[in-house]
Protein backbone atom coordinates (compact mmCIF):
# COMPACT_ATOMS: atom_id res chain seq x y z
CA MET A 1 -24.20 -17.64 -44.40
CA ALA A 2 -22.83 -14.51 -46.04
CA SER A 3 -19.93 -12.96 -44.17
CA ILE A 4 -20.67 -9.40 -43.11
CA SER A 5 -18.68 -8.78 -39.93
CA THR A 6 -17.46 -10.58 -36.87
CA LEU A 7 -17.93 -7.48 -34.75
CA PRO A 8 -21.12 -6.76 -32.78
CA ILE A 9 -23.72 -4.92 -34.85
CA ASP A 10 -26.34 -2.58 -33.38
CA LEU A 11 -28.52 -2.72 -36.48
CA LEU A 12 -28.35 -5.05 -39.46
CA VAL A 13 -30.55 -3.84 -42.32
CA LEU A 14 -31.72 -6.48 -44.80
CA GLY A 15 -32.62 -4.61 -47.97
CA ALA A 16 -30.98 -1.49 -49.37
CA GLY A 17 -34.07 0.09 -50.85
CA LYS A 18 -35.73 3.35 -49.84
CA VAL A 19 -36.72 2.32 -46.31
CA GLY A 20 -33.54 0.37 -45.58
CA LEU A 21 -31.21 3.13 -46.74
CA ASN A 22 -33.12 5.87 -44.92
CA VAL A 23 -33.14 3.96 -41.64
CA ALA A 24 -29.48 2.98 -42.06
CA ARG A 25 -28.26 6.52 -42.77
CA LEU A 26 -30.14 7.94 -39.79
CA ALA A 27 -28.97 5.13 -37.49
CA ALA A 28 -25.37 5.72 -38.60
CA SER A 29 -25.76 9.44 -37.88
CA ARG A 30 -26.77 8.42 -34.33
CA ARG A 31 -23.48 6.51 -34.03
CA LEU A 32 -25.02 3.05 -34.17
CA ALA A 33 -22.93 0.27 -35.69
CA VAL A 34 -24.92 -0.34 -38.88
CA ARG A 35 -24.47 -2.95 -41.62
CA LEU A 36 -26.42 -3.28 -44.88
CA TRP A 37 -27.19 -6.48 -46.76
CA ASN A 38 -28.84 -6.86 -50.16
CA PRO A 39 -29.45 -10.06 -52.15
CA ARG A 40 -28.41 -8.51 -55.46
CA PRO A 41 -26.14 -5.69 -56.71
CA LEU A 42 -27.43 -2.15 -56.28
CA ASP A 43 -27.98 0.24 -59.14
CA ALA A 44 -25.34 2.93 -59.61
CA ARG A 45 -27.29 5.64 -57.79
CA ARG A 46 -27.93 3.60 -54.64
CA LEU A 47 -24.40 2.22 -54.61
CA ALA A 48 -23.00 5.75 -54.82
CA LEU A 49 -25.21 6.79 -51.88
CA VAL A 50 -24.07 3.83 -49.78
CA ARG A 51 -20.44 4.70 -50.47
CA LYS A 52 -21.03 8.37 -49.73
CA LEU A 53 -22.56 7.46 -46.38
CA GLY A 54 -19.73 5.05 -45.64
CA LEU A 55 -22.10 2.19 -44.79
CA PRO A 56 -20.64 -1.34 -44.82
CA LEU A 57 -22.53 -3.37 -47.45
CA SER A 58 -22.70 -7.09 -48.18
CA ILE A 59 -24.13 -8.35 -51.49
CA SER A 60 -25.08 -12.02 -51.36
CA PRO A 61 -28.08 -14.28 -52.03
CA THR A 62 -27.39 -15.85 -48.60
CA LEU A 63 -28.38 -14.18 -45.37
CA PRO A 64 -25.62 -13.01 -43.01
CA ASP A 65 -25.40 -14.27 -39.43
CA LEU A 66 -28.33 -12.56 -37.74
CA SER A 67 -27.13 -13.52 -34.27
CA LEU A 68 -24.32 -10.94 -34.55
CA ALA A 69 -26.83 -8.09 -34.50
CA THR A 70 -28.79 -6.67 -31.60
CA GLN A 71 -31.58 -5.79 -34.01
CA VAL A 72 -32.30 -6.86 -37.58
CA LEU A 73 -34.52 -4.73 -39.81
CA VAL A 74 -36.17 -6.58 -42.71
CA ALA A 75 -36.75 -3.80 -45.26
CA VAL A 76 -37.72 -5.59 -48.46
CA PRO A 77 -40.91 -5.30 -50.58
CA ASP A 78 -43.95 -7.18 -49.25
CA PRO A 79 -43.76 -10.05 -51.78
CA ALA A 80 -40.16 -10.73 -50.74
CA VAL A 81 -40.82 -10.80 -46.99
CA ALA A 82 -42.04 -14.40 -46.64
CA PRO A 83 -39.26 -15.93 -48.84
CA LEU A 84 -36.62 -13.99 -46.89
CA LEU A 85 -38.01 -15.00 -43.50
CA ALA A 86 -38.11 -18.62 -44.67
CA GLN A 87 -34.31 -18.45 -45.14
CA ILE A 88 -33.62 -17.74 -41.47
CA PRO A 89 -31.76 -20.76 -40.10
CA ASP A 90 -31.74 -22.22 -36.60
CA LEU A 91 -30.00 -19.81 -34.26
CA PRO A 92 -28.37 -20.29 -30.85
CA ASP A 93 -30.83 -20.68 -27.98
CA ASP A 94 -29.37 -17.64 -26.24
CA CYS A 95 -29.77 -15.39 -29.30
CA GLN A 96 -31.52 -12.16 -28.25
CA THR A 97 -31.72 -10.56 -31.68
CA LEU A 98 -34.94 -8.61 -32.30
CA LEU A 99 -36.44 -8.98 -35.77
CA LEU A 100 -38.13 -5.81 -37.07
CA VAL A 101 -40.17 -6.21 -40.27
CA THR A 102 -41.29 -3.19 -42.31
CA SER A 103 -44.00 -5.07 -44.20
CA GLY A 104 -47.40 -3.42 -44.40
CA PHE A 105 -49.39 -6.56 -45.24
CA ALA A 106 -47.40 -9.75 -44.68
CA SER A 107 -48.78 -12.02 -41.97
CA LEU A 108 -46.18 -12.17 -39.21
CA PRO A 109 -45.81 -14.66 -36.34
CA ASP A 110 -44.77 -13.55 -32.87
CA SER A 111 -41.43 -15.30 -33.31
CA ILE A 112 -39.29 -16.91 -36.03
CA GLN A 113 -36.59 -19.43 -35.13
CA GLY A 114 -36.74 -18.09 -31.59
CA LEU A 115 -36.41 -14.45 -32.66
CA ARG A 116 -39.02 -12.03 -31.37
CA VAL A 117 -40.82 -10.30 -34.24
CA VAL A 118 -42.32 -6.80 -34.34
CA ARG A 119 -43.89 -4.99 -37.27
CA PHE A 120 -41.85 -1.80 -37.69
CA HIS A 121 -43.44 0.48 -40.25
CA PRO A 122 -42.22 4.04 -40.89
CA ALA A 123 -45.17 5.95 -42.33
CA PHE A 124 -42.95 7.55 -45.01
CA SER A 125 -42.61 4.17 -46.73
CA PHE A 126 -46.03 4.72 -48.31
CA SER A 127 -44.86 7.87 -50.07
CA ARG A 128 -42.93 7.82 -53.34
CA HIS A 129 -41.48 11.26 -52.62
CA ARG A 130 -37.84 11.72 -51.69
CA ILE A 131 -37.46 12.28 -47.96
CA PRO A 132 -34.98 15.06 -47.07
CA LEU A 133 -32.89 14.41 -43.96
CA HIS A 134 -34.52 17.18 -41.89
CA LEU A 135 -37.94 15.54 -42.41
CA LEU A 136 -36.52 12.06 -41.98
CA LYS A 137 -35.67 13.07 -38.42
CA LYS A 138 -39.38 13.67 -37.69
CA VAL A 139 -40.72 10.30 -38.77
CA CYS A 140 -43.36 8.36 -36.85
CA VAL A 141 -43.18 4.55 -36.80
CA LEU A 142 -46.02 2.13 -36.25
CA LEU A 143 -45.07 -0.82 -34.03
CA SER A 144 -47.19 -3.93 -33.71
CA GLY A 145 -46.40 -7.20 -31.98
CA PRO A 146 -46.00 -8.78 -28.53
CA PRO A 147 -45.46 -6.20 -25.73
CA GLU A 148 -41.88 -7.26 -24.96
CA ALA A 149 -40.98 -6.96 -28.65
CA THR A 150 -42.63 -3.57 -29.16
CA ASP A 151 -40.92 -2.29 -26.00
CA ARG A 152 -37.55 -3.10 -27.55
CA GLY A 153 -38.69 -1.69 -30.87
CA GLN A 154 -39.51 1.58 -29.12
CA GLY A 155 -35.94 1.64 -27.84
CA LEU A 156 -34.64 1.74 -31.42
CA VAL A 157 -37.21 4.36 -32.39
CA ASP A 158 -36.13 6.53 -29.45
CA THR A 159 -32.47 6.13 -30.43
CA LEU A 160 -33.28 7.27 -33.96
CA GLY A 161 -35.04 10.32 -32.52
CA TRP A 162 -38.36 9.25 -34.03
CA HIS A 163 -41.84 8.95 -32.56
CA SER A 164 -43.71 5.68 -32.30
CA VAL A 165 -47.31 4.51 -32.11
CA VAL A 166 -47.98 1.02 -30.75
CA ALA A 167 -50.95 -0.92 -32.12
CA PRO A 168 -51.01 -4.45 -30.63
CA ASP A 169 -54.02 -5.57 -32.70
CA LEU A 170 -53.25 -3.96 -36.02
CA ASP A 171 -55.56 -4.33 -39.01
CA PRO A 172 -53.09 -3.79 -41.88
CA LEU A 173 -55.87 -2.86 -44.32
CA ALA A 174 -57.13 0.00 -42.16
CA TYR A 175 -53.60 1.26 -41.57
CA HIS A 176 -52.71 1.06 -45.26
CA ALA A 177 -55.89 2.86 -46.31
CA ALA A 178 -55.24 5.68 -43.83
CA CYS A 179 -51.65 6.17 -45.04
CA VAL A 180 -52.64 6.08 -48.71
CA PHE A 181 -55.41 8.60 -48.03
CA ALA A 182 -53.04 11.00 -46.25
CA SER A 183 -50.28 10.55 -48.84
CA ASN A 184 -52.39 10.93 -51.97
CA LEU A 185 -55.18 13.34 -51.05
CA THR A 186 -52.97 16.43 -50.93
CA SER A 187 -51.67 15.75 -54.43
CA ALA A 188 -55.20 15.17 -55.74
CA CYS A 189 -56.43 18.42 -54.22
CA LEU A 190 -53.45 20.33 -55.61
CA VAL A 191 -54.23 19.07 -59.12
CA ALA A 192 -57.87 20.10 -58.64
CA ALA A 193 -56.80 23.57 -57.49
CA ALA A 194 -54.55 23.93 -60.55
CA GLN A 195 -57.49 23.01 -62.78
CA LEU A 196 -59.51 25.81 -61.21
CA LEU A 197 -56.73 28.32 -61.86
CA SER A 198 -56.44 27.15 -65.46
CA GLN A 199 -59.97 28.50 -65.97
CA VAL A 200 -58.67 32.01 -65.40
CA GLY A 201 -55.59 31.65 -67.59
CA ILE A 202 -53.00 30.64 -64.98
CA GLY A 203 -50.76 27.84 -66.25
CA THR A 204 -49.49 24.85 -64.28
CA ASP A 205 -46.03 26.34 -63.55
CA ASP A 206 -47.49 29.55 -62.17
CA SER A 207 -50.23 27.75 -60.26
CA SER A 208 -47.57 25.59 -58.62
CA LEU A 209 -45.78 28.73 -57.42
CA LEU A 210 -49.01 30.23 -56.14
CA LEU A 211 -50.25 27.13 -54.33
CA ARG A 212 -47.01 25.63 -53.02
CA SER A 213 -47.08 27.41 -49.66
CA LEU A 214 -50.72 26.47 -49.13
CA VAL A 215 -49.67 22.82 -49.33
CA ALA A 216 -46.33 23.07 -47.51
CA VAL A 217 -47.56 24.97 -44.44
CA PRO A 218 -50.42 22.62 -43.45
CA ALA A 219 -48.17 19.63 -44.10
CA THR A 220 -45.54 20.83 -41.60
CA ASP A 221 -47.94 22.50 -39.12
CA VAL A 222 -51.08 20.40 -39.12
CA GLY A 223 -52.45 21.75 -35.87
CA GLY A 224 -55.83 20.85 -34.44
CA THR A 225 -56.83 17.20 -34.14
CA VAL A 226 -58.35 14.61 -36.44
CA ASP A 227 -61.85 15.40 -35.17
CA ARG A 228 -61.38 19.20 -35.21
CA PRO A 229 -58.76 19.96 -37.87
CA ARG A 230 -57.34 23.42 -38.45
CA ILE A 231 -59.00 24.93 -41.51
CA SER A 232 -58.97 28.23 -43.38
CA GLY A 233 -61.09 30.20 -45.81
CA PRO A 234 -64.91 30.45 -45.85
CA ALA A 235 -65.31 27.12 -44.08
CA SER A 236 -63.38 28.41 -41.05
CA ARG A 237 -65.79 31.29 -40.52
CA GLY A 238 -69.01 29.50 -41.44
CA ASP A 239 -69.45 31.52 -44.63
CA SER A 240 -71.89 29.19 -46.39
CA GLU A 241 -72.90 31.79 -48.97
CA THR A 242 -69.37 32.04 -50.44
CA LEU A 243 -68.98 28.26 -50.48
CA ILE A 244 -72.28 27.76 -52.29
CA ARG A 245 -71.45 30.44 -54.88
CA GLU A 246 -68.12 28.72 -55.51
CA LEU A 247 -69.91 25.38 -55.89
CA GLU A 248 -72.34 26.89 -58.38
CA TRP A 249 -69.43 28.24 -60.43
CA MET A 250 -67.69 24.88 -60.34
CA ALA A 251 -70.87 23.04 -61.34
CA GLN A 252 -70.86 25.03 -64.57
CA LYS A 253 -67.12 25.04 -65.30
CA LEU A 254 -65.62 21.90 -63.70
CA PRO A 255 -68.46 19.70 -62.47
CA HIS A 256 -66.15 16.77 -61.70
CA LEU A 257 -64.64 18.79 -58.83
CA VAL A 258 -67.93 19.57 -57.10
CA GLU A 259 -68.11 16.50 -54.88
CA LEU A 260 -64.47 16.77 -53.78
CA PHE A 261 -64.81 20.46 -52.92
CA ARG A 262 -68.19 20.09 -51.27
CA SER A 263 -67.42 17.11 -49.09
CA GLY A 264 -64.22 18.61 -47.71
CA ASN A 265 -65.60 22.04 -46.90
CA LYS A 266 -68.94 20.84 -45.61
CA SER A 267 -67.48 18.28 -43.24
CA LEU A 268 -64.88 20.72 -41.91
CA ALA A 269 -67.23 23.62 -41.32
CA GLY A 270 -70.26 21.69 -40.06
CA LEU A 271 -72.43 23.90 -42.21
CA ALA A 272 -74.86 21.11 -43.06
CA ASP A 273 -76.28 21.36 -39.53
CA GLN A 274 -78.24 24.36 -40.75
CA GLN A 275 -81.29 23.12 -42.64
CA ASP A 276 -81.38 25.90 -45.23
CA VAL A 277 -77.67 25.44 -45.95
CA LYS A 278 -78.08 21.67 -46.11
CA GLU A 279 -80.77 21.97 -48.76
CA ARG A 280 -78.66 24.27 -50.92
CA LEU A 281 -75.52 22.15 -50.49
CA ASP A 282 -77.38 18.93 -51.32
CA LYS A 283 -78.30 20.43 -54.67
CA TRP A 284 -74.64 20.07 -55.64
CA ASN A 285 -74.05 16.67 -54.10
CA PRO A 286 -74.72 13.44 -56.02
CA HIS A 287 -75.02 11.64 -52.67
CA PRO A 288 -77.17 13.88 -50.39
CA MET A 289 -76.98 13.40 -46.63
């Protein structure tokens, strides 16, 4: 085994990528004894960050002694999860280490070499955007596994100051699809909005300035619920006439945006419940209701 420390460790993080480093830096800020391990040398940028944060780091192809840690976070890419877990050796019978695995898709047993296993998935891991520390402190983590394991996982989440959602019978595909939808849809809609502004001579730099607050505010203050989301504009006041006129304009100028615009506004406003509105809206929908 790779030598990392002979002192007790609150959290041993296996993998110094985006998720591992973000969890490690927040845990260290909460005064947990944190150690990082990576199977290969880090690039210059990540190594500089580790040194700046003052995090102890071990570089070795061999796993450190997991029994020294109260909790071990496996934060490696999905394809590397199974090979890494296969390296875990026999551990003492009285070992109480909890194994937290960030994988979105890997099939996980309830225990490995006597270690309880829980899927520990911070939602931000789906995003490629840099996570500033003030937003990192507001993360929500999905936990899935046996009740006694998820209870202990919630303890770590609470210590980090995060929120947690427990899903004992998780379908990884449904979870992944939901996160991808939430992560990517805003960007897609922003590009569509910029295309609309380009029709009136507003370039991409200026459109970014104009639209930035419209993206940032809903992202930080979602409000409402998933079945009754907070909305604005014509849809919020049931103004079907304005929506239809906008659709007609788009159908002539940017027809590829019609379905995206229509489906979002119609579903949010519930305007299709009115028969006359439904008929007019269906004119601009390739898949009528």
